[in-house]
Amino acid sequence: MSNLRYVVVEGPIACGKSQLARRLADYWQIRLLAEDAEQNPFLERFYRHPPYHAFSTQLSFLMQRADAAQAMLHGDMLAAPLVSDFLFDKDAMFAAQTLDKDELALYQRIVQRFLPEHPVPDLVIYLQASPETVSKRLAARAAAGEVIAMPEGYVQRMHEAYSTFFHAYEAAPLLIVNTDHLDLVEGEEDFGLLLRCISEMRGQRSYFNKGI
């Protein structure tokens, strides 16, 4: 991974970010910093009743982020390269989509107290997926026994929110990857193409879009 010491893989649910982050960590033989959604006791309740559980869900993830930021900035977590499946900056976008005006104002104050600073990645890999692709993948996961109850219109709203967020994102070099026709989890050829895109990337922004 040459001079890349901190790489982040991001994207909406069912885009494959956690699996890709794990595969990159294994390939590069570096540490994986993964979001632990199972340790958020409010997440499943949020999906079922968003207005009632959005604030507690955000706070639970914020505490995870704050612990990670402390370990990276003041501990030894960044002593060696790592890849992560979450972007600190993304939380603000997510909160703006899920919290009401008063909750958002309070949440922003809490963020300033508990997460005043965090490390900036050397590279962010944003995995795009159309709402149709996400819906198909969620249906496949449901058929395999993983039931995720999504609020009506949630997938479309998140697609638009992620697109808007990363359109304006300039904090770190950004590789935008359209995953509609890619298999980055098990596909050897597609994974190899991604590695090539990463190694050949120059400048602040690049794109990887494989046709049918």
Protein backbone atom coordinates (compact mmCIF):
# COMPACT_ATOMS: atom_id res chain seq x y z
CA MET A 1 0.00 0.00 0.00
CA SER A 2 3.10 2.18 -0.46
CA ASN A 3 2.81 5.37 1.63
CA LEU A 4 -0.82 4.86 2.66
CA ARG A 5 -0.98 4.39 6.42
CA TYR A 6 -4.66 5.08 7.12
CA VAL A 7 -7.26 4.00 4.56
CA VAL A 8 -11.02 4.27 5.06
CA VAL A 9 -13.72 2.35 3.16
CA GLU A 10 -17.14 4.03 3.30
CA GLY A 11 -20.59 3.76 1.77
CA PRO A 12 -24.24 3.05 2.56
CA ILE A 13 -25.61 -0.17 3.98
CA ALA A 14 -25.18 -3.26 1.73
CA CYS A 15 -22.42 -1.67 -0.34
CA GLY A 16 -19.85 -4.15 1.01
CA LYS A 17 -17.65 -1.70 2.91
CA SER A 18 -16.97 -3.91 5.94
CA GLN A 19 -16.14 -6.94 3.80
CA LEU A 20 -13.86 -4.91 1.53
CA ALA A 21 -12.09 -3.27 4.46
CA ARG A 22 -11.45 -6.72 5.92
CA ARG A 23 -10.18 -8.04 2.58
CA LEU A 24 -7.83 -5.08 2.15
CA ALA A 25 -6.51 -5.51 5.68
CA ASP A 26 -5.86 -9.20 5.00
CA TYR A 27 -4.26 -8.51 1.62
CA TRP A 28 -2.00 -5.75 2.94
CA GLN A 29 -1.49 -7.63 6.23
CA ILE A 30 -2.31 -4.62 8.32
CA ARG A 31 -4.65 -3.83 11.18
CA LEU A 32 -8.41 -3.55 10.69
CA LEU A 33 -10.40 -0.94 12.64
CA ALA A 34 -14.01 -2.01 12.21
CA GLU A 35 -17.25 -0.43 13.30
CA ASP A 36 -18.93 -2.71 15.84
CA ALA A 37 -22.61 -2.30 14.97
CA GLU A 38 -23.53 -5.29 17.11
CA GLN A 39 -22.38 -3.35 20.18
CA ASN A 40 -24.92 -0.61 19.45
CA PRO A 41 -28.04 -1.78 21.32
CA PHE A 42 -30.23 0.86 19.66
CA LEU A 43 -29.50 0.13 15.98
CA GLU A 44 -32.15 -2.52 15.39
CA ARG A 45 -34.72 -0.37 17.21
CA PHE A 46 -33.71 2.59 15.05
CA TYR A 47 -34.42 0.70 11.85
CA ARG A 48 -37.86 -0.22 13.14
CA HIS A 49 -38.81 3.15 14.65
CA PRO A 50 -36.29 5.82 13.53
CA PRO A 51 -37.78 8.92 15.22
CA TYR A 52 -37.74 7.27 18.64
CA HIS A 53 -34.24 5.81 18.56
CA ALA A 54 -32.16 7.98 16.20
CA PHE A 55 -30.61 10.10 18.95
CA SER A 56 -29.58 7.18 21.16
CA THR A 57 -28.23 5.32 18.12
CA GLN A 58 -26.09 8.31 17.15
CA LEU A 59 -24.76 8.72 20.68
CA SER A 60 -23.81 5.06 20.92
CA PHE A 61 -21.81 5.25 17.69
CA LEU A 62 -20.29 8.56 18.83
CA MET A 63 -18.86 6.90 21.93
CA GLN A 64 -17.26 4.25 19.73
CA ARG A 65 -15.79 6.97 17.50
CA ALA A 66 -14.47 8.94 20.48
CA ASP A 67 -12.70 5.87 21.87
CA ALA A 68 -11.18 5.13 18.45
CA ALA A 69 -10.04 8.73 17.96
CA GLN A 70 -8.35 8.76 21.36
CA ALA A 71 -6.54 5.52 20.59
CA MET A 72 -5.40 6.83 17.21
CA LEU A 73 -4.33 10.31 18.31
CA HIS A 74 -2.94 9.58 21.74
CA GLY A 75 -2.23 5.86 21.68
CA ASP A 76 -0.30 3.51 19.43
CA MET A 77 -3.08 2.57 17.00
CA LEU A 78 -1.50 4.56 14.16
CA ALA A 79 1.99 3.28 14.88
CA ALA A 80 1.43 0.87 11.98
CA PRO A 81 -0.83 1.12 8.90
CA LEU A 82 -4.52 0.33 9.26
CA VAL A 83 -7.72 0.21 7.24
CA SER A 84 -11.10 1.18 8.68
CA ASP A 85 -14.72 0.71 7.61
CA PHE A 86 -15.98 4.04 8.93
CA LEU A 87 -15.21 7.71 8.32
CA PHE A 88 -15.40 10.06 11.28
CA ASP A 89 -16.70 12.94 9.15
CA LYS A 90 -19.64 10.89 7.90
CA ASP A 91 -21.40 10.97 11.25
CA ALA A 92 -22.41 14.62 10.79
CA MET A 93 -24.17 13.75 7.53
CA PHE A 94 -25.92 10.79 9.10
CA ALA A 95 -27.07 12.83 12.10
CA ALA A 96 -28.47 15.54 9.83
CA GLN A 97 -30.58 12.90 8.09
CA THR A 98 -31.94 11.19 11.18
CA LEU A 99 -32.27 13.78 13.97
CA ASP A 100 -34.77 16.57 14.34
CA LYS A 101 -33.61 20.19 14.68
CA ASP A 102 -33.31 20.26 18.47
CA GLU A 103 -31.71 16.82 18.69
CA LEU A 104 -29.19 17.77 16.00
CA ALA A 105 -28.20 20.95 17.84
CA LEU A 106 -27.66 19.01 21.07
CA TYR A 107 -25.80 16.23 19.26
CA GLN A 108 -23.42 18.75 17.68
CA ARG A 109 -22.61 20.17 21.12
CA ILE A 110 -21.89 16.68 22.45
CA VAL A 111 -19.64 15.95 19.46
CA GLN A 112 -17.59 19.06 20.23
CA ARG A 113 -17.12 17.81 23.77
CA PHE A 114 -16.33 14.15 23.09
CA LEU A 115 -14.87 14.20 19.56
CA PRO A 116 -13.14 17.55 19.10
CA GLU A 117 -10.51 16.11 16.72
CA HIS A 118 -9.77 12.94 14.83
CA PRO A 119 -7.16 11.74 12.32
CA VAL A 120 -7.55 12.41 8.60
CA PRO A 121 -7.21 9.40 6.26
CA ASP A 122 -4.57 9.15 3.56
CA LEU A 123 -7.27 7.73 1.27
CA VAL A 124 -11.05 7.31 1.41
CA ILE A 125 -12.67 4.66 -0.80
CA TYR A 126 -16.33 5.52 -1.30
CA LEU A 127 -18.39 2.55 -2.47
CA GLN A 128 -21.39 3.70 -4.47
CA ALA A 129 -24.43 1.52 -5.03
CA SER A 130 -27.72 2.46 -6.65
CA PRO A 131 -30.89 2.18 -4.53
CA GLU A 132 -31.96 -0.74 -6.75
CA THR A 133 -28.68 -2.57 -6.10
CA VAL A 134 -28.88 -1.93 -2.36
CA SER A 135 -32.48 -3.19 -2.25
CA LYS A 136 -31.51 -6.39 -4.09
CA ARG A 137 -28.61 -7.03 -1.74
CA LEU A 138 -30.77 -6.45 1.32
CA ALA A 139 -33.35 -8.86 -0.09
CA ALA A 140 -30.63 -11.47 -0.61
CA ARG A 141 -29.45 -11.01 2.97
CA ALA A 142 -33.02 -11.35 4.21
CA ALA A 143 -33.41 -14.57 2.22
CA ALA A 144 -30.27 -15.86 3.92
CA GLY A 145 -31.83 -15.20 7.32
CA GLU A 146 -30.48 -11.73 8.09
CA VAL A 147 -33.58 -9.60 8.61
CA ILE A 148 -33.06 -5.83 8.44
CA ALA A 149 -36.29 -3.86 8.63
CA MET A 150 -35.72 -0.63 6.71
CA PRO A 151 -38.08 2.34 7.02
CA GLU A 152 -39.91 3.23 3.82
CA GLY A 153 -37.76 5.45 1.62
CA TYR A 154 -34.68 5.00 3.82
CA VAL A 155 -32.48 3.46 1.11
CA GLN A 156 -33.24 6.26 -1.35
CA ARG A 157 -32.66 8.99 1.25
CA MET A 158 -29.33 7.53 2.28
CA HIS A 159 -28.26 7.18 -1.35
CA GLU A 160 -28.93 10.87 -1.92
CA ALA A 161 -27.28 11.88 1.37
CA TYR A 162 -24.07 9.93 0.65
CA SER A 163 -23.92 11.28 -2.90
CA THR A 164 -24.27 14.86 -1.69
CA PHE A 165 -21.76 14.38 1.12
CA PHE A 166 -19.02 12.90 -1.03
CA HIS A 167 -19.64 15.32 -3.88
CA ALA A 168 -18.42 18.06 -1.54
CA TYR A 169 -15.85 16.00 0.39
CA GLU A 170 -12.32 17.41 0.19
CA ALA A 171 -10.69 16.48 3.48
CA ALA A 172 -8.72 13.55 2.02
CA PRO A 173 -7.99 11.94 -1.36
CA LEU A 174 -11.14 10.18 -2.55
CA LEU A 175 -11.56 7.13 -4.78
CA ILE A 176 -15.20 6.75 -5.86
CA VAL A 177 -16.08 3.17 -6.79
CA ASN A 178 -19.36 2.22 -8.45
CA THR A 179 -20.10 -1.27 -7.12
CA ASP A 180 -23.26 -2.02 -9.15
CA HIS A 181 -21.33 -4.40 -11.41
CA LEU A 182 -18.41 -5.27 -9.15
CA ASP A 183 -17.73 -8.11 -6.74
CA LEU A 184 -15.01 -6.77 -4.48
CA VAL A 185 -15.64 -9.30 -1.73
CA GLU A 186 -14.99 -12.56 -3.60
CA GLY A 187 -14.13 -11.49 -7.17
CA GLU A 188 -10.41 -11.82 -7.86
CA GLU A 189 -10.43 -9.81 -11.09
CA ASP A 190 -12.48 -6.95 -9.67
CA PHE A 191 -10.38 -6.82 -6.52
CA GLY A 192 -7.23 -6.71 -8.62
CA LEU A 193 -8.64 -3.82 -10.65
CA LEU A 194 -9.38 -1.93 -7.46
CA LEU A 195 -5.84 -2.46 -6.18
CA ARG A 196 -4.55 -1.10 -9.47
CA CYS A 197 -6.77 1.98 -9.17
CA ILE A 198 -5.44 2.58 -5.67
CA SER A 199 -1.79 2.22 -6.70
CA GLU A 200 -2.22 4.45 -9.77
CA MET A 201 -4.29 7.14 -8.09
CA ARG A 202 -2.95 10.66 -8.35
CA GLY A 203 -4.46 13.86 -7.05
CA GLN A 204 -7.44 14.35 -4.78
CA ARG A 205 -10.17 12.47 -6.62
CA SER A 206 -10.46 9.46 -8.89
CA TYR A 207 -13.20 7.12 -10.18
CA PHE A 208 -13.58 3.40 -10.79
CA ASN A 209 -16.65 2.43 -12.78
CA LYS A 210 -16.82 -0.98 -14.44
CA GLY A 211 -19.56 -1.49 -17.04
CA ILE A 212 -21.63 -4.63 -17.49
